[in-house]
């Protein structure tokens, strides 16, 4: 059973600024979250939510298990995304 994915407006703007090669890899990982919301290598963050690595970039997201919903709230380079 698949999960729905929603991308926050902030994350949409961050995704639009990514280089083309990184953009393809990030979008592929985002789409794969629909079938596996907690893939190998995902890390639970202390403040809540999860982190998924894509090379030097990170996808930060949260889940609503009852609604089977994934909300992506930040995407960016590892040096900037946690600020």
PDB file of N, CA and C in Angstrom:
ATOM      1  N   UNK A   1       0.844  -1.174   0.000  1.00  0.00           N
ATOM      2  CA  UNK A   1       0.000   0.000   0.000  1.00  0.00           C
ATOM      3  C   UNK A   1       0.897   1.247   0.000  1.00  0.00           C
ATOM      4  N   UNK A   2       0.549   2.209  -0.796  1.00  0.00           N
ATOM      5  CA  UNK A   2       1.405   3.380  -0.941  1.00  0.00           C
ATOM      6  C   UNK A   2       0.987   4.511  -0.010  1.00  0.00           C
ATOM      7  N   UNK A   3       1.918   5.361   0.266  1.00  0.00           N
ATOM      8  CA  UNK A   3       1.700   6.550   1.080  1.00  0.00           C
ATOM      9  C   UNK A   3       1.577   7.749   0.151  1.00  0.00           C
ATOM     10  N   UNK A   4       0.811   8.753   0.572  1.00  0.00           N
ATOM     11  CA  UNK A   4       0.737  10.009  -0.175  1.00  0.00           C
ATOM     12  C   UNK A   4       1.917  10.883   0.242  1.00  0.00           C
ATOM     13  N   UNK A   5       2.400  11.675  -0.682  1.00  0.00           N
ATOM     14  CA  UNK A   5       3.516  12.574  -0.408  1.00  0.00           C
ATOM     15  C   UNK A   5       3.067  14.000  -0.667  1.00  0.00           C
ATOM     16  N   UNK A   6       3.285  14.860   0.320  1.00  0.00           N
ATOM     17  CA  UNK A   6       3.034  16.290   0.168  1.00  0.00           C
ATOM     18  C   UNK A   6       4.363  17.015   0.369  1.00  0.00           C
ATOM     19  N   UNK A   7       4.601  18.014  -0.463  1.00  0.00           N
ATOM     20  CA  UNK A   7       5.837  18.790  -0.368  1.00  0.00           C
ATOM     21  C   UNK A   7       5.476  20.208   0.062  1.00  0.00           C
ATOM     22  N   UNK A   8       6.056  20.639   1.164  1.00  0.00           N
ATOM     23  CA  UNK A   8       5.830  21.978   1.705  1.00  0.00           C
ATOM     24  C   UNK A   8       6.329  23.035   0.709  1.00  0.00           C
ATOM     25  N   UNK A   9       5.749  24.227   0.764  1.00  0.00           N
ATOM     26  CA  UNK A   9       6.145  25.298  -0.157  1.00  0.00           C
ATOM     27  C   UNK A   9       7.629  25.633  -0.037  1.00  0.00           C
ATOM     28  N   UNK A  10       8.150  25.642   1.176  1.00  0.00           N
ATOM     29  CA  UNK A  10       9.573  25.922   1.372  1.00  0.00           C
ATOM     30  C   UNK A  10      10.417  24.866   0.659  1.00  0.00           C
ATOM     31  N   UNK A  11      10.041  23.613   0.817  1.00  0.00           N
ATOM     32  CA  UNK A  11      10.780  22.522   0.176  1.00  0.00           C
ATOM     33  C   UNK A  11      10.667  22.600  -1.343  1.00  0.00           C
ATOM     34  N   UNK A  12       9.514  23.016  -1.865  1.00  0.00           N
ATOM     35  CA  UNK A  12       9.361  23.172  -3.312  1.00  0.00           C
ATOM     36  C   UNK A  12      10.346  24.197  -3.856  1.00  0.00           C
ATOM     37  N   UNK A  13      10.493  25.313  -3.155  1.00  0.00           N
ATOM     38  CA  UNK A  13      11.447  26.343  -3.587  1.00  0.00           C
ATOM     39  C   UNK A  13      12.882  25.824  -3.521  1.00  0.00           C
ATOM     40  N   UNK A  14      13.193  25.068  -2.469  1.00  0.00           N
ATOM     41  CA  UNK A  14      14.544  24.514  -2.340  1.00  0.00           C
ATOM     42  C   UNK A  14      14.830  23.494  -3.445  1.00  0.00           C
ATOM     43  N   UNK A  15      13.853  22.683  -3.786  1.00  0.00           N
ATOM     44  CA  UNK A  15      14.015  21.682  -4.842  1.00  0.00           C
ATOM     45  C   UNK A  15      14.243  22.363  -6.186  1.00  0.00           C
ATOM     46  N   UNK A  16      13.525  23.446  -6.432  1.00  0.00           N
ATOM     47  CA  UNK A  16      13.657  24.161  -7.702  1.00  0.00           C
ATOM     48  C   UNK A  16      15.061  24.737  -7.896  1.00  0.00           C
ATOM     49  N   UNK A  17      15.788  24.994  -6.833  1.00  0.00           N
ATOM     50  CA  UNK A  17      17.126  25.580  -6.910  1.00  0.00           C
ATOM     51  C   UNK A  17      18.237  24.532  -7.061  1.00  0.00           C
ATOM     52  N   UNK A  18      17.910  23.256  -6.983  1.00  0.00           N
ATOM     53  CA  UNK A  18      18.932  22.208  -7.039  1.00  0.00           C
ATOM     54  C   UNK A  18      19.509  22.067  -8.439  1.00  0.00           C
ATOM     55  N   UNK A  19      20.792  21.685  -8.532  1.00  0.00           N
ATOM     56  CA  UNK A  19      21.384  21.373  -9.845  1.00  0.00           C
ATOM     57  C   UNK A  19      20.653  20.181 -10.471  1.00  0.00           C
ATOM     58  N   UNK A  20      20.646  20.101 -11.796  1.00  0.00           N
ATOM     59  CA  UNK A  20      19.865  19.086 -12.511  1.00  0.00           C
ATOM     60  C   UNK A  20      20.180  17.656 -12.089  1.00  0.00           C
ATOM     61  N   UNK A  21      21.463  17.319 -11.957  1.00  0.00           N
ATOM     62  CA  UNK A  21      21.813  15.944 -11.596  1.00  0.00           C
ATOM     63  C   UNK A  21      21.321  15.592 -10.192  1.00  0.00           C
ATOM     64  N   UNK A  22      21.433  16.532  -9.271  1.00  0.00           N
ATOM     65  CA  UNK A  22      20.962  16.312  -7.899  1.00  0.00           C
ATOM     66  C   UNK A  22      19.437  16.265  -7.882  1.00  0.00           C
ATOM     67  N   UNK A  23      18.807  17.109  -8.660  1.00  0.00           N
ATOM     68  CA  UNK A  23      17.346  17.162  -8.733  1.00  0.00           C
ATOM     69  C   UNK A  23      16.777  15.801  -9.119  1.00  0.00           C
ATOM     70  N   UNK A  24      17.348  15.163 -10.121  1.00  0.00           N
ATOM     71  CA  UNK A  24      16.867  13.843 -10.543  1.00  0.00           C
ATOM     72  C   UNK A  24      16.995  12.813  -9.426  1.00  0.00           C
ATOM     73  N   UNK A  25      18.134  12.827  -8.730  1.00  0.00           N
ATOM     74  CA  UNK A  25      18.330  11.859  -7.647  1.00  0.00           C
ATOM     75  C   UNK A  25      17.382  12.116  -6.475  1.00  0.00           C
ATOM     76  N   UNK A  26      17.185  13.388  -6.128  1.00  0.00           N
ATOM     77  CA  UNK A  26      16.291  13.732  -5.020  1.00  0.00           C
ATOM     78  C   UNK A  26      14.859  13.333  -5.350  1.00  0.00           C
ATOM     79  N   UNK A  27      14.390  13.654  -6.561  1.00  0.00           N
ATOM     80  CA  UNK A  27      13.019  13.309  -6.936  1.00  0.00           C
ATOM     81  C   UNK A  27      12.805  11.795  -6.972  1.00  0.00           C
ATOM     82  N   UNK A  28      13.819  11.054  -7.389  1.00  0.00           N
ATOM     83  CA  UNK A  28      13.711   9.596  -7.392  1.00  0.00           C
ATOM     84  C   UNK A  28      13.557   9.062  -5.963  1.00  0.00           C
ATOM     85  N   UNK A  29      14.321   9.626  -5.026  1.00  0.00           N
ATOM     86  CA  UNK A  29      14.221   9.193  -3.626  1.00  0.00           C
ATOM     87  C   UNK A  29      12.880   9.587  -3.019  1.00  0.00           C
ATOM     88  N   UNK A  30      12.392  10.778  -3.369  1.00  0.00           N
ATOM     89  CA  UNK A  30      11.086  11.221  -2.869  1.00  0.00           C
ATOM     90  C   UNK A  30      10.000  10.266  -3.358  1.00  0.00           C
ATOM     91  N   UNK A  31      10.038   9.898  -4.621  1.00  0.00           N
ATOM     92  CA  UNK A  31       9.038   8.975  -5.159  1.00  0.00           C
ATOM     93  C   UNK A  31       9.129   7.602  -4.514  1.00  0.00           C
ATOM     94  N   UNK A  32      10.339   7.173  -4.179  1.00  0.00           N
ATOM     95  CA  UNK A  32      10.490   5.859  -3.554  1.00  0.00           C
ATOM     96  C   UNK A  32       9.931   5.838  -2.130  1.00  0.00           C
ATOM     97  N   UNK A  33       9.807   7.012  -1.505  1.00  0.00           N
ATOM     98  CA  UNK A  33       9.230   7.066  -0.159  1.00  0.00           C
ATOM     99  C   UNK A  33       7.766   6.634  -0.153  1.00  0.00           C
ATOM    100  N   UNK A  34       7.074   6.783  -1.263  1.00  0.00           N
ATOM    101  CA  UNK A  34       5.660   6.401  -1.332  1.00  0.00           C
ATOM    102  C   UNK A  34       5.459   4.910  -1.063  1.00  0.00           C
ATOM    103  N   UNK A  35       6.400   4.088  -1.491  1.00  0.00           N
ATOM    104  CA  UNK A  35       6.271   2.649  -1.260  1.00  0.00           C
ATOM    105  C   UNK A  35       7.008   2.193  -0.006  1.00  0.00           C
ATOM    106  N   UNK A  36       8.050   2.907   0.390  1.00  0.00           N
ATOM    107  CA  UNK A  36       8.830   2.548   1.585  1.00  0.00           C
ATOM    108  C   UNK A  36       9.178   3.825   2.347  1.00  0.00           C
ATOM    109  N   UNK A  37       8.328   4.247   3.308  1.00  0.00           N
ATOM    110  CA  UNK A  37       8.554   5.517   4.000  1.00  0.00           C
ATOM    111  C   UNK A  37       9.738   5.510   4.974  1.00  0.00           C
ATOM    112  N   UNK A  38      10.221   4.340   5.330  1.00  0.00           N
ATOM    113  CA  UNK A  38      11.361   4.243   6.240  1.00  0.00           C
ATOM    114  C   UNK A  38      12.430   3.338   5.633  1.00  0.00           C
ATOM    115  N   UNK A  39      13.074   3.780   4.532  1.00  0.00           N
ATOM    116  CA  UNK A  39      14.061   2.923   3.864  1.00  0.00           C
ATOM    117  C   UNK A  39      15.336   2.772   4.695  1.00  0.00           C
ATOM    118  N   UNK A  40      16.169   1.849   4.271  1.00  0.00           N
ATOM    119  CA  UNK A  40      17.460   1.647   4.931  1.00  0.00           C
ATOM    120  C   UNK A  40      18.261   2.946   4.886  1.00  0.00           C
ATOM    121  N   UNK A  41      18.810   3.355   5.999  1.00  0.00           N
ATOM    122  CA  UNK A  41      19.626   4.558   6.062  1.00  0.00           C
ATOM    123  C   UNK A  41      18.879   5.786   6.546  1.00  0.00           C
ATOM    124  N   UNK A  42      17.573   5.698   6.719  1.00  0.00           N
ATOM    125  CA  UNK A  42      16.825   6.849   7.224  1.00  0.00           C
ATOM    126  C   UNK A  42      17.140   7.009   8.712  1.00  0.00           C
ATOM    127  N   UNK A  43      17.195   8.249   9.167  1.00  0.00           N
ATOM    128  CA  UNK A  43      17.521   8.506  10.568  1.00  0.00           C
ATOM    129  C   UNK A  43      16.427   9.352  11.199  1.00  0.00           C
ATOM    130  N   UNK A  44      16.000   8.963  12.387  1.00  0.00           N
ATOM    131  CA  UNK A  44      15.022   9.742  13.131  1.00  0.00           C
ATOM    132  C   UNK A  44      15.757  10.915  13.779  1.00  0.00           C
ATOM    133  N   UNK A  45      15.198  12.118  13.648  1.00  0.00           N
ATOM    134  CA  UNK A  45      15.819  13.314  14.194  1.00  0.00           C
ATOM    135  C   UNK A  45      15.328  13.585  15.610  1.00  0.00           C
ATOM    136  N   UNK A  46      16.166  14.202  16.437  1.00  0.00           N
ATOM    137  CA  UNK A  46      15.809  14.481  17.825  1.00  0.00           C
ATOM    138  C   UNK A  46      14.583  15.385  17.940  1.00  0.00           C
ATOM    139  N   UNK A  47      14.495  16.411  17.099  1.00  0.00           N
ATOM    140  CA  UNK A  47      13.383  17.352  17.172  1.00  0.00           C
ATOM    141  C   UNK A  47      12.105  16.831  16.542  1.00  0.00           C
ATOM    142  N   UNK A  48      12.132  15.643  15.996  1.00  0.00           N
ATOM    143  CA  UNK A  48      10.982  15.059  15.298  1.00  0.00           C
ATOM    144  C   UNK A  48      11.246  15.011  13.813  1.00  0.00           C
ATOM    145  N   UNK A  49      10.666  14.070  13.164  1.00  0.00           N
ATOM    146  CA  UNK A  49      10.851  13.910  11.737  1.00  0.00           C
ATOM    147  C   UNK A  49      11.972  12.945  11.420  1.00  0.00           C
ATOM    148  N   UNK A  50      12.281  12.862  10.129  1.00  0.00           N
ATOM    149  CA  UNK A  50      13.279  11.919   9.644  1.00  0.00           C
ATOM    150  C   UNK A  50      14.193  12.590   8.639  1.00  0.00           C
ATOM    151  N   UNK A  51      15.379  12.021   8.471  1.00  0.00           N
ATOM    152  CA  UNK A  51      16.360  12.524   7.516  1.00  0.00           C
ATOM    153  C   UNK A  51      16.736  11.403   6.565  1.00  0.00           C
ATOM    154  N   UNK A  52      16.752  11.742   5.272  1.00  0.00           N
ATOM    155  CA  UNK A  52      17.162  10.796   4.248  1.00  0.00           C
ATOM    156  C   UNK A  52      18.317  11.413   3.465  1.00  0.00           C
ATOM    157  N   UNK A  53      19.412  10.682   3.343  1.00  0.00           N
ATOM    158  CA  UNK A  53      20.597  11.176   2.635  1.00  0.00           C
ATOM    159  C   UNK A  53      20.495  10.890   1.144  1.00  0.00           C
ATOM    160  N   UNK A  54      20.927  11.888   0.354  1.00  0.00           N
ATOM    161  CA  UNK A  54      21.077  11.730  -1.092  1.00  0.00           C
ATOM    162  C   UNK A  54      22.406  12.403  -1.421  1.00  0.00           C
ATOM    163  N   UNK A  55      23.499  11.659  -1.299  1.00  0.00           N
ATOM    164  CA  UNK A  55      24.828  12.247  -1.477  1.00  0.00           C
ATOM    165  C   UNK A  55      25.069  13.299  -0.411  1.00  0.00           C
ATOM    166  N   UNK A  56      25.430  14.515  -0.816  1.00  0.00           N
ATOM    167  CA  UNK A  56      25.658  15.610   0.121  1.00  0.00           C
ATOM    168  C   UNK A  56      24.379  16.366   0.458  1.00  0.00           C
ATOM    169  N   UNK A  57      23.259  15.919  -0.069  1.00  0.00           N
ATOM    170  CA  UNK A  57      21.978  16.595   0.158  1.00  0.00           C
ATOM    171  C   UNK A  57      21.117  15.769   1.106  1.00  0.00           C
ATOM    172  N   UNK A  58      20.189  16.460   1.783  1.00  0.00           N
ATOM    173  CA  UNK A  58      19.321  15.808   2.748  1.00  0.00           C
ATOM    174  C   UNK A  58      17.863  16.126   2.450  1.00  0.00           C
ATOM    175  N   UNK A  59      17.009  15.148   2.653  1.00  0.00           N
ATOM    176  CA  UNK A  59      15.567  15.323   2.568  1.00  0.00           C
ATOM    177  C   UNK A  59      15.045  15.160   3.986  1.00  0.00           C
ATOM    178  N   UNK A  60      14.400  16.199   4.513  1.00  0.00           N
ATOM    179  CA  UNK A  60      13.823  16.137   5.849  1.00  0.00           C
ATOM    180  C   UNK A  60      12.318  16.006   5.705  1.00  0.00           C
ATOM    181  N   UNK A  61      11.756  15.033   6.414  1.00  0.00           N
ATOM    182  CA  UNK A  61      10.321  14.794   6.292  1.00  0.00           C
ATOM    183  C   UNK A  61       9.730  14.270   7.587  1.00  0.00           C
ATOM    184  N   UNK A  62       8.418  14.352   7.658  1.00  0.00           N
ATOM    185  CA  UNK A  62       7.677  13.831   8.797  1.00  0.00           C
ATOM    186  C   UNK A  62       6.569  12.935   8.263  1.00  0.00           C
ATOM    187  N   UNK A  63       6.054  12.062   9.109  1.00  0.00           N
ATOM    188  CA  UNK A  63       5.008  11.145   8.677  1.00  0.00           C
ATOM    189  C   UNK A  63       3.786  11.266   9.572  1.00  0.00           C
ATOM    190  N   UNK A  64       2.638  11.081   8.987  1.00  0.00           N
ATOM    191  CA  UNK A  64       1.376  10.939   9.714  1.00  0.00           C
ATOM    192  C   UNK A  64       0.890   9.526   9.420  1.00  0.00           C
ATOM    193  N   UNK A  65       1.204   8.614  10.325  1.00  0.00           N
ATOM    194  CA  UNK A  65       0.969   7.197  10.088  1.00  0.00           C
ATOM    195  C   UNK A  65      -0.509   6.878   9.888  1.00  0.00           C
ATOM    196  N   UNK A  66      -1.385   7.473  10.681  1.00  0.00           N
ATOM    197  CA  UNK A  66      -2.813   7.174  10.586  1.00  0.00           C
ATOM    198  C   UNK A  66      -3.371   7.546   9.208  1.00  0.00           C
ATOM    199  N   UNK A  67      -2.845   8.616   8.608  1.00  0.00           N
ATOM    200  CA  UNK A  67      -3.314   9.060   7.299  1.00  0.00           C
ATOM    201  C   UNK A  67      -2.449   8.531   6.156  1.00  0.00           C
ATOM    202  N   UNK A  68      -1.365   7.814   6.502  1.00  0.00           N
ATOM    203  CA  UNK A  68      -0.401   7.314   5.521  1.00  0.00           C
ATOM    204  C   UNK A  68       0.082   8.451   4.629  1.00  0.00           C
ATOM    205  N   UNK A  69       0.580   9.505   5.298  1.00  0.00           N
ATOM    206  CA  UNK A  69       0.993  10.734   4.638  1.00  0.00           C
ATOM    207  C   UNK A  69       2.433  11.064   5.001  1.00  0.00           C
ATOM    208  N   UNK A  70       3.217  11.450   4.008  1.00  0.00           N
ATOM    209  CA  UNK A  70       4.593  11.907   4.204  1.00  0.00           C
ATOM    210  C   UNK A  70       4.628  13.375   3.821  1.00  0.00           C
ATOM    211  N   UNK A  71       5.143  14.213   4.734  1.00  0.00           N
ATOM    212  CA  UNK A  71       5.250  15.644   4.473  1.00  0.00           C
ATOM    213  C   UNK A  71       6.731  16.003   4.406  1.00  0.00           C
ATOM    214  N   UNK A  72       7.178  16.416   3.247  1.00  0.00           N
ATOM    215  CA  UNK A  72       8.571  16.828   3.064  1.00  0.00           C
ATOM    216  C   UNK A  72       8.649  18.311   3.364  1.00  0.00           C
ATOM    217  N   UNK A  73       9.448  18.676   4.372  1.00  0.00           N
ATOM    218  CA  UNK A  73       9.497  20.075   4.785  1.00  0.00           C
ATOM    219  C   UNK A  73      10.815  20.772   4.501  1.00  0.00           C
ATOM    220  N   UNK A  74      11.838  20.065   4.087  1.00  0.00           N
ATOM    221  CA  UNK A  74      13.103  20.715   3.737  1.00  0.00           C
ATOM    222  C   UNK A  74      13.940  19.795   2.860  1.00  0.00           C
ATOM    223  N   UNK A  75      14.629  20.396   1.902  1.00  0.00           N
ATOM    224  CA  UNK A  75      15.569  19.691   1.038  1.00  0.00           C
ATOM    225  C   UNK A  75      16.733  20.638   0.819  1.00  0.00           C
ATOM    226  N   UNK A  76      17.948  20.163   1.053  1.00  0.00           N
ATOM    227  CA  UNK A  76      19.085  21.045   0.837  1.00  0.00           C
ATOM    228  C   UNK A  76      20.410  20.370   1.096  1.00  0.00           C
ATOM    229  N   UNK A  77      21.470  21.139   0.885  1.00  0.00           N
ATOM    230  CA  UNK A  77      22.825  20.651   1.132  1.00  0.00           C
ATOM    231  C   UNK A  77      22.998  20.421   2.626  1.00  0.00           C
ATOM    232  N   UNK A  78      23.789  19.462   2.991  1.00  0.00           N
ATOM    233  CA  UNK A  78      23.939  19.082   4.395  1.00  0.00           C
ATOM    234  C   UNK A  78      24.453  20.217   5.269  1.00  0.00           C
ATOM    235  N   UNK A  79      25.184  21.159   4.707  1.00  0.00           N
ATOM    236  CA  UNK A  79      25.715  22.265   5.534  1.00  0.00           C
ATOM    237  C   UNK A  79      24.647  23.304   5.835  1.00  0.00           C
ATOM    238  N   UNK A  80      23.556  23.333   5.047  1.00  0.00           N
ATOM    239  CA  UNK A  80      22.548  24.377   5.203  1.00  0.00           C
ATOM    240  C   UNK A  80      21.192  23.891   5.691  1.00  0.00           C
ATOM    241  N   UNK A  81      20.856  22.647   5.472  1.00  0.00           N
ATOM    242  CA  UNK A  81      19.485  22.187   5.629  1.00  0.00           C
ATOM    243  C   UNK A  81      18.994  22.194   7.084  1.00  0.00           C
ATOM    244  N   UNK A  82      19.886  22.096   8.051  1.00  0.00           N
ATOM    245  CA  UNK A  82      19.465  22.011   9.447  1.00  0.00           C
ATOM    246  C   UNK A  82      19.299  23.387  10.101  1.00  0.00           C
ATOM    247  N   UNK A  83      19.602  24.449   9.399  1.00  0.00           N
ATOM    248  CA  UNK A  83      19.511  25.804   9.963  1.00  0.00           C
ATOM    249  C   UNK A  83      18.097  26.301   9.985  1.00  0.00           C
TER     250      UNK A  83
END
